[in-house]
Amino acid sequence: MQATAKNAFRNLKQGGFTLIELMIVVAIIGVLASIAVPQYQNYTARAQASEGLSVTAGMRADIAEQYSLNGRFPESVEKLESTAGRYVDTAEYERVGDGDNASGVITVTFQGSSALGAKTMQISSDKPQEGWTCSATGTNSIGENRLPAGCKD
């Protein structure tokens, strides 16, 4: 009869994880999250910054056309209705310098509700046919690590 009592006692024991095993799993998830969340935020900000390139594509094409026709940057570009986007608030063009030393600079300002905040990015070129470069200059810039990969130096 004692053998039957031992078998009954063994069947009542529940299996499961110990507290230390659960704590180890929680610690591992915490470490992975502490690495993944900042990387995801950076990825999101760079994706939103790339909208600045797509929103200004028409403006950059107009500037390149005027440059190829006249041999110099235009004084101004008519404001296109498509210069605002989901994350871009405004995009403004400015000619910097005179004559052959002039360059074109487009300043993109992002909305405050975006992952970038109400910060700016500059898209500039000395020769628009050769391409445009993005920069994070100024006190209110988005930061070098958040520039889109499509227009870095």
Protein backbone atom coordinates (compact mmCIF):
# COMPACT_ATOMS: atom_id res chain seq x y z
CA MET A 1 0.00 0.00 0.00
CA GLN A 2 2.83 2.31 0.53
CA ALA A 3 3.77 2.07 -3.15
CA THR A 4 0.33 3.37 -4.14
CA ALA A 5 0.61 6.35 -1.79
CA LYS A 6 4.01 7.29 -3.26
CA ASN A 7 2.62 7.19 -6.80
CA ALA A 8 -0.33 9.37 -5.83
CA PHE A 9 1.98 11.93 -4.21
CA ARG A 10 4.19 12.10 -7.31
CA ASN A 11 1.21 12.76 -9.58
CA LEU A 12 0.12 15.74 -7.48
CA LYS A 13 3.44 17.58 -8.03
CA GLN A 14 2.99 20.28 -10.67
CA GLY A 15 5.62 21.02 -13.29
CA GLY A 16 6.59 24.53 -14.27
CA PHE A 17 9.29 27.13 -14.28
CA THR A 18 11.13 28.24 -11.21
CA LEU A 19 11.26 31.87 -10.20
CA ILE A 20 14.92 32.19 -11.21
CA GLU A 21 14.18 30.84 -14.69
CA LEU A 22 11.41 33.39 -15.17
CA MET A 23 13.67 36.19 -13.91
CA ILE A 24 16.37 35.20 -16.40
CA VAL A 25 13.86 35.29 -19.27
CA VAL A 26 12.62 38.73 -18.19
CA ALA A 27 16.21 40.01 -17.96
CA ILE A 28 17.00 38.74 -21.46
CA ILE A 29 13.88 40.40 -22.87
CA GLY A 30 14.83 43.64 -21.10
CA VAL A 31 18.33 43.64 -22.61
CA LEU A 32 16.98 42.97 -26.10
CA ALA A 33 14.38 45.72 -25.74
CA SER A 34 16.99 48.23 -24.54
CA ILE A 35 18.91 47.62 -27.77
CA ALA A 36 15.96 47.36 -30.15
CA VAL A 37 13.89 50.40 -29.12
CA PRO A 38 16.57 53.07 -29.81
CA GLN A 39 17.45 51.40 -33.11
CA TYR A 40 13.80 51.39 -34.12
CA GLN A 41 13.42 55.06 -33.20
CA ASN A 42 16.48 55.93 -35.30
CA TYR A 43 15.11 53.88 -38.21
CA THR A 44 11.75 55.65 -37.95
CA ALA A 45 13.39 59.09 -37.87
CA ARG A 46 15.54 58.31 -40.92
CA ALA A 47 12.48 57.06 -42.80
CA GLN A 48 10.65 60.27 -41.97
CA ALA A 49 13.67 62.35 -42.99
CA SER A 50 13.69 60.66 -46.38
CA GLU A 51 10.29 62.21 -47.02
CA GLY A 52 12.16 65.51 -47.27
CA LEU A 53 13.84 64.18 -50.40
CA SER A 54 10.64 63.02 -52.05
CA VAL A 55 8.73 66.20 -51.18
CA THR A 56 11.45 68.40 -52.69
CA ALA A 57 11.94 66.29 -55.84
CA GLY A 58 9.84 68.63 -57.99
CA MET A 59 11.54 71.71 -56.59
CA ARG A 60 14.97 70.22 -57.23
CA ALA A 61 13.96 69.34 -60.80
CA ASP A 62 12.77 72.94 -61.41
CA ILE A 63 16.04 74.30 -60.04
CA ALA A 64 18.08 71.91 -62.20
CA GLU A 65 16.08 72.92 -65.27
CA GLN A 66 16.62 76.63 -64.63
CA TYR A 67 20.31 75.97 -63.98
CA SER A 68 20.70 74.11 -67.27
CA LEU A 69 18.82 76.80 -69.22
CA ASN A 70 20.48 79.88 -67.68
CA GLY A 71 23.78 78.49 -66.44
CA ARG A 72 23.12 79.71 -62.90
CA PHE A 73 20.80 79.11 -59.98
CA PRO A 74 17.46 80.93 -60.07
CA GLU A 75 16.77 83.73 -57.60
CA SER A 76 13.65 81.98 -56.37
CA VAL A 77 11.41 79.05 -57.16
CA GLU A 78 7.65 79.27 -57.12
CA LYS A 79 6.36 77.54 -54.05
CA LEU A 80 4.95 74.21 -55.07
CA GLU A 81 1.83 72.95 -53.37
CA SER A 82 3.53 69.60 -52.79
CA THR A 83 6.24 71.00 -50.52
CA ALA A 84 4.39 69.83 -47.41
CA GLY A 85 4.00 66.20 -46.51
CA ARG A 86 3.01 63.89 -43.75
CA TYR A 87 6.14 64.72 -41.73
CA VAL A 88 7.48 67.75 -43.64
CA ASP A 89 6.06 71.13 -42.66
CA THR A 90 7.78 73.40 -45.20
CA ALA A 91 10.52 73.37 -47.80
CA GLU A 92 12.10 76.68 -48.81
CA TYR A 93 14.67 77.42 -51.52
CA GLU A 94 17.43 80.02 -51.29
CA ARG A 95 20.26 80.92 -53.64
CA VAL A 96 23.47 81.44 -51.72
CA GLY A 97 26.26 83.48 -53.31
CA ASP A 98 26.50 85.24 -56.67
CA GLY A 99 27.57 84.28 -60.16
CA ASP A 100 29.54 81.09 -60.73
CA ASN A 101 30.16 80.61 -56.99
CA ALA A 102 26.47 80.41 -56.16
CA SER A 103 24.80 77.32 -54.80
CA GLY A 104 21.23 76.31 -54.18
CA VAL A 105 20.03 75.42 -50.71
CA ILE A 106 16.65 73.93 -49.83
CA THR A 107 15.80 74.01 -46.14
CA VAL A 108 13.29 71.35 -45.09
CA THR A 109 11.50 71.89 -41.79
CA PHE A 110 9.82 68.88 -40.22
CA GLN A 111 6.63 68.93 -38.21
CA GLY A 112 6.83 68.94 -34.45
CA SER A 113 4.74 65.77 -34.23
CA SER A 114 7.26 63.75 -36.29
CA ALA A 115 10.01 61.62 -34.77
CA LEU A 116 12.43 64.37 -35.80
CA GLY A 117 10.61 67.14 -33.96
CA ALA A 118 10.43 70.65 -35.44
CA LYS A 119 13.98 70.42 -36.79
CA THR A 120 15.55 71.21 -40.16
CA MET A 121 17.61 69.51 -42.84
CA GLN A 122 19.42 71.29 -45.68
CA ILE A 123 19.62 69.90 -49.20
CA SER A 124 22.25 71.74 -51.25
CA SER A 125 24.12 71.57 -54.53
CA ASP A 126 26.74 73.50 -56.48
CA LYS A 127 25.76 71.76 -59.72
CA PRO A 128 22.25 70.30 -59.64
CA GLN A 129 22.89 67.95 -62.57
CA GLU A 130 25.55 66.19 -60.50
CA GLY A 131 23.26 65.66 -57.52
CA TRP A 132 22.26 67.07 -54.19
CA THR A 133 23.67 66.45 -50.71
CA CYS A 134 21.95 66.63 -47.35
CA SER A 135 23.50 68.20 -44.31
CA ALA A 136 22.57 68.74 -40.71
CA THR A 137 23.96 72.22 -40.20
CA GLY A 138 22.63 74.82 -37.83
CA THR A 139 21.47 74.81 -34.26
CA ASN A 140 18.10 73.24 -35.05
CA SER A 141 19.24 70.43 -37.34
CA ILE A 142 18.10 66.82 -37.27
CA GLY A 143 21.57 65.39 -36.61
CA GLU A 144 24.01 63.58 -38.88
CA ASN A 145 22.86 60.10 -37.84
CA ARG A 146 19.31 60.83 -38.99
CA LEU A 147 20.14 62.02 -42.51
CA PRO A 148 18.62 59.83 -45.23
CA ALA A 149 21.06 57.48 -46.90
CA GLY A 150 20.01 58.72 -50.34
CA CYS A 151 21.74 62.08 -50.08
CA LYS A 152 24.70 61.82 -47.75
CA ASP A 153 28.07 63.13 -48.88
